[in-house]
Amino acid sequence: MLTVDGADNSETDYDRSPEEWFNDLTDLERDALGRKVDTEMNAIVLAEAGLRRSDLLETVPTYRLPRETFVPAPGQGAIAVTAVDDDVIDQLRDVVDHPRSRIETTTERTVLAELGGGCIAPIGVSAILQGEYVHTRAQVLGPAGEETVEATRDLPVTDHAAAAADFAVDLRERGAADLIEAAEATTTGTGTREDDG
């Protein structure tokens, strides 16, 4: 095979058979591909959907964490579709849009965005559409998980995004912003935002 620079790379992964590729893997890589499960650990938190998809749900002992105590990360199970062409997006939206999921996900993502959190800060937000309200539970933890700011609120479905933003402001004012800042500083090792500026 000739590459753009003219070099002959005939021994690339693309030119080898699956058997040749597999034979070159380390034992660790083979174990990972073979889904060898090491159950010698105290605990591990995994998504149930991932265990089911991997055919491990019946193999590995599990305990389902109660939603009231362990609030999941925002947007769990949601699928986002993007496209460059607006017409394609409109057609896809008409086919795959699920209004209930859109309302719940919008609520969760709005709370997350307004809190200023991302992947680093331990923030859980769960929204469940119930009639005219979106039952929303949020939980923000400190770096060690010992400090918590949490609340539950029923948001009006007719104005769920704005109500979610207001809910996040209340959480911030109750100390969530400080916990998020501390978590980010602990994870990145950069100190507080004021120290960085």
C-alpha atoms as a PDB file:
ATOM      1  CA  MET A   1       0.000   0.000   0.000  1.00  0.00           C
ATOM      2  CA  LEU A   2       1.357   3.445  -0.881  1.00  0.00           C
ATOM      3  CA  THR A   3       0.647   6.330   1.472  1.00  0.00           C
ATOM      4  CA  VAL A   4       0.314   9.997   0.594  1.00  0.00           C
ATOM      5  CA  ASP A   5       4.049  10.523   1.085  1.00  0.00           C
ATOM      6  CA  GLY A   6       4.811   7.606  -1.240  1.00  0.00           C
ATOM      7  CA  ALA A   7       6.115   5.253   1.452  1.00  0.00           C
ATOM      8  CA  ASP A   8       5.256   1.581   1.191  1.00  0.00           C
ATOM      9  CA  ASN A   9       3.329   0.596   4.321  1.00  0.00           C
ATOM     10  CA  SER A  10       2.161  -2.848   3.274  1.00  0.00           C
ATOM     11  CA  GLU A  11       2.467  -4.150   6.831  1.00  0.00           C
ATOM     12  CA  THR A  12      -0.226  -1.887   8.292  1.00  0.00           C
ATOM     13  CA  ASP A  13      -3.065  -3.201  10.415  1.00  0.00           C
ATOM     14  CA  TYR A  14      -5.344  -2.898   7.393  1.00  0.00           C
ATOM     15  CA  ASP A  15      -3.338  -5.373   5.341  1.00  0.00           C
ATOM     16  CA  ARG A  16      -3.148  -8.092   7.969  1.00  0.00           C
ATOM     17  CA  SER A  17      -5.699 -10.790   8.533  1.00  0.00           C
ATOM     18  CA  PRO A  18      -7.682 -10.718  11.794  1.00  0.00           C
ATOM     19  CA  GLU A  19      -5.705 -13.763  12.936  1.00  0.00           C
ATOM     20  CA  GLU A  20      -2.371 -12.005  12.358  1.00  0.00           C
ATOM     21  CA  TRP A  21      -3.633  -8.936  14.164  1.00  0.00           C
ATOM     22  CA  PHE A  22      -4.913 -11.019  17.106  1.00  0.00           C
ATOM     23  CA  ASN A  23      -1.661 -12.983  17.405  1.00  0.00           C
ATOM     24  CA  ASP A  24       0.258  -9.725  17.928  1.00  0.00           C
ATOM     25  CA  LEU A  25      -1.887  -8.641  20.880  1.00  0.00           C
ATOM     26  CA  THR A  26      -0.598  -8.742  24.426  1.00  0.00           C
ATOM     27  CA  ASP A  27      -2.265 -11.012  26.980  1.00  0.00           C
ATOM     28  CA  LEU A  28      -3.880  -7.957  28.555  1.00  0.00           C
ATOM     29  CA  GLU A  29      -5.352  -6.881  25.206  1.00  0.00           C
ATOM     30  CA  ARG A  30      -6.621 -10.404  24.531  1.00  0.00           C
ATOM     31  CA  ASP A  31      -8.261 -10.556  27.950  1.00  0.00           C
ATOM     32  CA  ALA A  32      -9.984  -7.234  27.288  1.00  0.00           C
ATOM     33  CA  LEU A  33     -11.284  -8.441  23.937  1.00  0.00           C
ATOM     34  CA  GLY A  34     -12.384 -11.737  25.418  1.00  0.00           C
ATOM     35  CA  ARG A  35     -14.305  -9.891  28.107  1.00  0.00           C
ATOM     36  CA  LYS A  36     -12.548 -11.791  30.833  1.00  0.00           C
ATOM     37  CA  VAL A  37     -14.109 -10.404  33.986  1.00  0.00           C
ATOM     38  CA  ASP A  38     -12.060 -10.041  37.138  1.00  0.00           C
ATOM     39  CA  THR A  39     -14.550 -10.015  39.995  1.00  0.00           C
ATOM     40  CA  GLU A  40     -11.848  -9.631  42.666  1.00  0.00           C
ATOM     41  CA  MET A  41     -12.629  -6.013  43.537  1.00  0.00           C
ATOM     42  CA  ASN A  42     -14.534  -4.270  46.274  1.00  0.00           C
ATOM     43  CA  ALA A  43     -16.926  -2.446  43.957  1.00  0.00           C
ATOM     44  CA  ILE A  44     -17.264  -0.903  40.543  1.00  0.00           C
ATOM     45  CA  VAL A  45     -20.030   1.276  39.150  1.00  0.00           C
ATOM     46  CA  LEU A  46     -21.098   0.441  35.607  1.00  0.00           C
ATOM     47  CA  ALA A  47     -24.079   1.298  33.447  1.00  0.00           C
ATOM     48  CA  GLU A  48     -26.646  -1.474  33.331  1.00  0.00           C
ATOM     49  CA  ALA A  49     -27.122  -0.906  29.601  1.00  0.00           C
ATOM     50  CA  GLY A  50     -23.418  -1.536  29.005  1.00  0.00           C
ATOM     51  CA  LEU A  51     -23.491  -4.741  31.039  1.00  0.00           C
ATOM     52  CA  ARG A  52     -26.514  -5.932  29.103  1.00  0.00           C
ATOM     53  CA  ARG A  53     -24.918  -5.060  25.747  1.00  0.00           C
ATOM     54  CA  SER A  54     -21.755  -6.921  26.759  1.00  0.00           C
ATOM     55  CA  ASP A  55     -23.728  -9.996  27.855  1.00  0.00           C
ATOM     56  CA  LEU A  56     -22.351  -9.549  31.363  1.00  0.00           C
ATOM     57  CA  LEU A  57     -25.538  -8.631  33.240  1.00  0.00           C
ATOM     58  CA  GLU A  58     -26.299 -12.244  34.144  1.00  0.00           C
ATOM     59  CA  THR A  59     -22.632 -13.164  34.682  1.00  0.00           C
ATOM     60  CA  VAL A  60     -21.520 -10.520  37.160  1.00  0.00           C
ATOM     61  CA  PRO A  61     -23.218 -10.044  40.542  1.00  0.00           C
ATOM     62  CA  THR A  62     -24.967  -6.671  40.489  1.00  0.00           C
ATOM     63  CA  TYR A  63     -26.799  -4.310  42.785  1.00  0.00           C
ATOM     64  CA  ARG A  64     -28.934  -1.551  41.333  1.00  0.00           C
ATOM     65  CA  LEU A  65     -28.186   1.759  43.052  1.00  0.00           C
ATOM     66  CA  PRO A  66     -31.351   3.538  44.235  1.00  0.00           C
ATOM     67  CA  ARG A  67     -32.016   6.695  42.235  1.00  0.00           C
ATOM     68  CA  GLU A  68     -32.979   8.582  45.388  1.00  0.00           C
ATOM     69  CA  THR A  69     -29.481   8.150  46.824  1.00  0.00           C
ATOM     70  CA  PHE A  70     -27.265   7.893  43.737  1.00  0.00           C
ATOM     71  CA  VAL A  71     -28.434  10.450  41.205  1.00  0.00           C
ATOM     72  CA  PRO A  72     -27.140   9.539  37.714  1.00  0.00           C
ATOM     73  CA  ALA A  73     -25.120  11.857  35.506  1.00  0.00           C
ATOM     74  CA  PRO A  74     -27.248  14.080  33.251  1.00  0.00           C
ATOM     75  CA  GLY A  75     -28.286  12.762  29.841  1.00  0.00           C
ATOM     76  CA  GLN A  76     -27.827   9.052  30.551  1.00  0.00           C
ATOM     77  CA  GLY A  77     -29.252   6.989  27.700  1.00  0.00           C
ATOM     78  CA  ALA A  78     -29.963   9.991  25.488  1.00  0.00           C
ATOM     79  CA  ILE A  79     -28.880   9.996  21.864  1.00  0.00           C
ATOM     80  CA  ALA A  80     -27.856  13.173  20.053  1.00  0.00           C
ATOM     81  CA  VAL A  81     -27.971  13.394  16.273  1.00  0.00           C
ATOM     82  CA  THR A  82     -26.035  16.045  14.364  1.00  0.00           C
ATOM     83  CA  ALA A  83     -25.727  16.842  10.680  1.00  0.00           C
ATOM     84  CA  VAL A  84     -24.352  19.660   8.571  1.00  0.00           C
ATOM     85  CA  ASP A  85     -27.477  19.968   6.426  1.00  0.00           C
ATOM     86  CA  ASP A  86     -30.443  21.611   8.202  1.00  0.00           C
ATOM     87  CA  ASP A  87     -32.905  19.725   5.993  1.00  0.00           C
ATOM     88  CA  VAL A  88     -31.398  16.416   7.080  1.00  0.00           C
ATOM     89  CA  ILE A  89     -31.688  17.443  10.738  1.00  0.00           C
ATOM     90  CA  ASP A  90     -35.345  18.386  10.258  1.00  0.00           C
ATOM     91  CA  GLN A  91     -36.096  15.031   8.626  1.00  0.00           C
ATOM     92  CA  LEU A  92     -34.211  13.083  11.289  1.00  0.00           C
ATOM     93  CA  ARG A  93     -35.882  15.014  14.083  1.00  0.00           C
ATOM     94  CA  ASP A  94     -39.306  14.188  12.657  1.00  0.00           C
ATOM     95  CA  VAL A  95     -38.434  10.487  12.637  1.00  0.00           C
ATOM     96  CA  VAL A  96     -36.443   9.962  15.847  1.00  0.00           C
ATOM     97  CA  ASP A  97     -37.587  12.725  18.206  1.00  0.00           C
ATOM     98  CA  HIS A  98     -39.052  11.428  21.455  1.00  0.00           C
ATOM     99  CA  PRO A  99     -40.696  14.423  23.184  1.00  0.00           C
ATOM    100  CA  ARG A 100     -40.555  12.929  26.686  1.00  0.00           C
ATOM    101  CA  SER A 101     -36.821  12.160  26.363  1.00  0.00           C
ATOM    102  CA  ARG A 102     -36.179  15.613  24.880  1.00  0.00           C
ATOM    103  CA  ILE A 103     -37.875  17.339  27.827  1.00  0.00           C
ATOM    104  CA  GLU A 104     -36.081  15.201  30.410  1.00  0.00           C
ATOM    105  CA  THR A 105     -32.688  15.551  28.725  1.00  0.00           C
ATOM    106  CA  THR A 106     -33.092  19.296  28.176  1.00  0.00           C
ATOM    107  CA  THR A 107     -33.917  19.719  31.855  1.00  0.00           C
ATOM    108  CA  GLU A 108     -30.896  17.685  32.976  1.00  0.00           C
ATOM    109  CA  ARG A 109     -28.470  19.363  30.578  1.00  0.00           C
ATOM    110  CA  THR A 110     -29.743  22.836  31.476  1.00  0.00           C
ATOM    111  CA  VAL A 111     -29.095  22.230  35.176  1.00  0.00           C
ATOM    112  CA  LEU A 112     -25.606  20.912  34.349  1.00  0.00           C
ATOM    113  CA  ALA A 113     -24.792  23.859  32.074  1.00  0.00           C
ATOM    114  CA  GLU A 114     -26.055  26.445  34.557  1.00  0.00           C
ATOM    115  CA  LEU A 115     -24.018  24.856  37.343  1.00  0.00           C
ATOM    116  CA  GLY A 116     -20.949  25.121  35.128  1.00  0.00           C
ATOM    117  CA  GLY A 117     -20.155  21.467  35.542  1.00  0.00           C
ATOM    118  CA  GLY A 118     -18.679  19.063  33.080  1.00  0.00           C
ATOM    119  CA  CYS A 119     -17.057  15.660  33.207  1.00  0.00           C
ATOM    120  CA  ILE A 120     -14.802  16.468  36.159  1.00  0.00           C
ATOM    121  CA  ALA A 121     -17.249  17.652  38.806  1.00  0.00           C
ATOM    122  CA  PRO A 122     -19.420  14.996  40.489  1.00  0.00           C
ATOM    123  CA  ILE A 123     -22.880  16.205  39.485  1.00  0.00           C
ATOM    124  CA  GLY A 124     -25.974  14.067  39.213  1.00  0.00           C
ATOM    125  CA  VAL A 125     -29.219  15.286  37.671  1.00  0.00           C
ATOM    126  CA  SER A 126     -32.257  13.138  37.014  1.00  0.00           C
ATOM    127  CA  ALA A 127     -35.431  14.467  35.403  1.00  0.00           C
ATOM    128  CA  ILE A 128     -38.584  12.393  34.988  1.00  0.00           C
ATOM    129  CA  LEU A 129     -41.638  13.762  33.212  1.00  0.00           C
ATOM    130  CA  GLN A 130     -44.720  13.214  35.365  1.00  0.00           C
ATOM    131  CA  GLY A 131     -47.869  14.764  33.954  1.00  0.00           C
ATOM    132  CA  GLU A 132     -47.577  18.547  33.959  1.00  0.00           C
ATOM    133  CA  TYR A 133     -44.289  18.534  35.871  1.00  0.00           C
ATOM    134  CA  VAL A 134     -40.722  17.389  35.401  1.00  0.00           C
ATOM    135  CA  HIS A 135     -39.665  15.808  38.699  1.00  0.00           C
ATOM    136  CA  THR A 136     -36.012  16.861  38.908  1.00  0.00           C
ATOM    137  CA  ARG A 137     -33.446  15.720  41.431  1.00  0.00           C
ATOM    138  CA  ALA A 138     -29.933  17.170  41.543  1.00  0.00           C
ATOM    139  CA  GLN A 139     -26.945  16.198  43.635  1.00  0.00           C
ATOM    140  CA  VAL A 140     -23.536  17.891  43.700  1.00  0.00           C
ATOM    141  CA  LEU A 141     -20.754  16.287  45.718  1.00  0.00           C
ATOM    142  CA  GLY A 142     -17.464  17.599  47.006  1.00  0.00           C
ATOM    143  CA  PRO A 143     -14.158  16.008  45.969  1.00  0.00           C
ATOM    144  CA  ALA A 144     -14.243  13.338  48.697  1.00  0.00           C
ATOM    145  CA  GLY A 145     -17.998  12.841  48.463  1.00  0.00           C
ATOM    146  CA  GLU A 146     -18.506  13.903  52.072  1.00  0.00           C
ATOM    147  CA  GLU A 147     -20.091  17.290  51.354  1.00  0.00           C
ATOM    148  CA  THR A 148     -23.299  17.359  49.352  1.00  0.00           C
ATOM    149  CA  VAL A 149     -25.740  19.909  48.024  1.00  0.00           C
ATOM    150  CA  GLU A 150     -28.895  18.252  46.806  1.00  0.00           C
ATOM    151  CA  ALA A 151     -32.489  19.145  46.122  1.00  0.00           C
ATOM    152  CA  THR A 152     -35.605  17.926  44.397  1.00  0.00           C
ATOM    153  CA  ARG A 153     -38.048  20.150  42.576  1.00  0.00           C
ATOM    154  CA  ASP A 154     -41.093  19.695  40.361  1.00  0.00           C
ATOM    155  CA  LEU A 155     -40.608  21.980  37.359  1.00  0.00           C
ATOM    156  CA  PRO A 156     -43.495  23.022  35.096  1.00  0.00           C
ATOM    157  CA  VAL A 157     -43.283  21.158  31.799  1.00  0.00           C
ATOM    158  CA  THR A 158     -44.484  24.250  29.900  1.00  0.00           C
ATOM    159  CA  ASP A 159     -41.366  26.179  30.953  1.00  0.00           C
ATOM    160  CA  HIS A 160     -38.996  23.363  31.922  1.00  0.00           C
ATOM    161  CA  ALA A 161     -35.763  24.857  30.536  1.00  0.00           C
ATOM    162  CA  ALA A 162     -36.140  28.226  32.300  1.00  0.00           C
ATOM    163  CA  ALA A 163     -37.293  26.507  35.496  1.00  0.00           C
ATOM    164  CA  ALA A 164     -34.257  24.189  35.318  1.00  0.00           C
ATOM    165  CA  ALA A 165     -31.968  27.217  35.014  1.00  0.00           C
ATOM    166  CA  ASP A 166     -33.587  28.791  38.099  1.00  0.00           C
ATOM    167  CA  PHE A 167     -33.214  25.482  39.967  1.00  0.00           C
ATOM    168  CA  ALA A 168     -29.494  25.442  39.146  1.00  0.00           C
ATOM    169  CA  VAL A 169     -29.080  29.033  40.375  1.00  0.00           C
ATOM    170  CA  ASP A 170     -30.625  28.011  43.706  1.00  0.00           C
ATOM    171  CA  LEU A 171     -28.248  25.030  43.938  1.00  0.00           C
ATOM    172  CA  ARG A 172     -25.262  27.276  43.181  1.00  0.00           C
ATOM    173  CA  GLU A 173     -26.304  29.737  45.880  1.00  0.00           C
ATOM    174  CA  ARG A 174     -26.678  26.878  48.397  1.00  0.00           C
ATOM    175  CA  GLY A 175     -23.009  25.909  47.907  1.00  0.00           C
ATOM    176  CA  ALA A 176     -22.944  23.761  44.762  1.00  0.00           C
ATOM    177  CA  ALA A 177     -20.632  26.230  43.004  1.00  0.00           C
ATOM    178  CA  ASP A 178     -18.049  25.878  45.789  1.00  0.00           C
ATOM    179  CA  LEU A 179     -18.179  22.066  45.626  1.00  0.00           C
ATOM    180  CA  ILE A 180     -17.774  22.093  41.835  1.00  0.00           C
ATOM    181  CA  GLU A 181     -14.829  24.473  42.072  1.00  0.00           C
ATOM    182  CA  ALA A 182     -13.193  22.306  44.744  1.00  0.00           C
ATOM    183  CA  ALA A 183     -13.701  19.154  42.658  1.00  0.00           C
ATOM    184  CA  GLU A 184     -12.187  20.787  39.583  1.00  0.00           C
ATOM    185  CA  ALA A 185      -9.227  22.098  41.576  1.00  0.00           C
ATOM    186  CA  THR A 186      -8.617  18.681  43.135  1.00  0.00           C
ATOM    187  CA  THR A 187      -8.823  16.875  39.809  1.00  0.00           C
ATOM    188  CA  THR A 188      -6.716  19.292  37.779  1.00  0.00           C
ATOM    189  CA  GLY A 189      -4.384  20.304  40.605  1.00  0.00           C
ATOM    190  CA  THR A 190      -4.683  23.946  39.631  1.00  0.00           C
ATOM    191  CA  GLY A 191      -6.194  25.473  42.759  1.00  0.00           C
ATOM    192  CA  THR A 192      -9.269  27.666  42.755  1.00  0.00           C
ATOM    193  CA  ARG A 193     -10.437  29.749  39.847  1.00  0.00           C
ATOM    194  CA  GLU A 194      -9.445  32.955  41.672  1.00  0.00           C
ATOM    195  CA  ASP A 195      -5.939  31.545  42.159  1.00  0.00           C
ATOM    196  CA  ASP A 196      -5.668  30.730  38.468  1.00  0.00           C
ATOM    197  CA  GLY A 197      -6.763  34.150  37.223  1.00  0.00           C
END
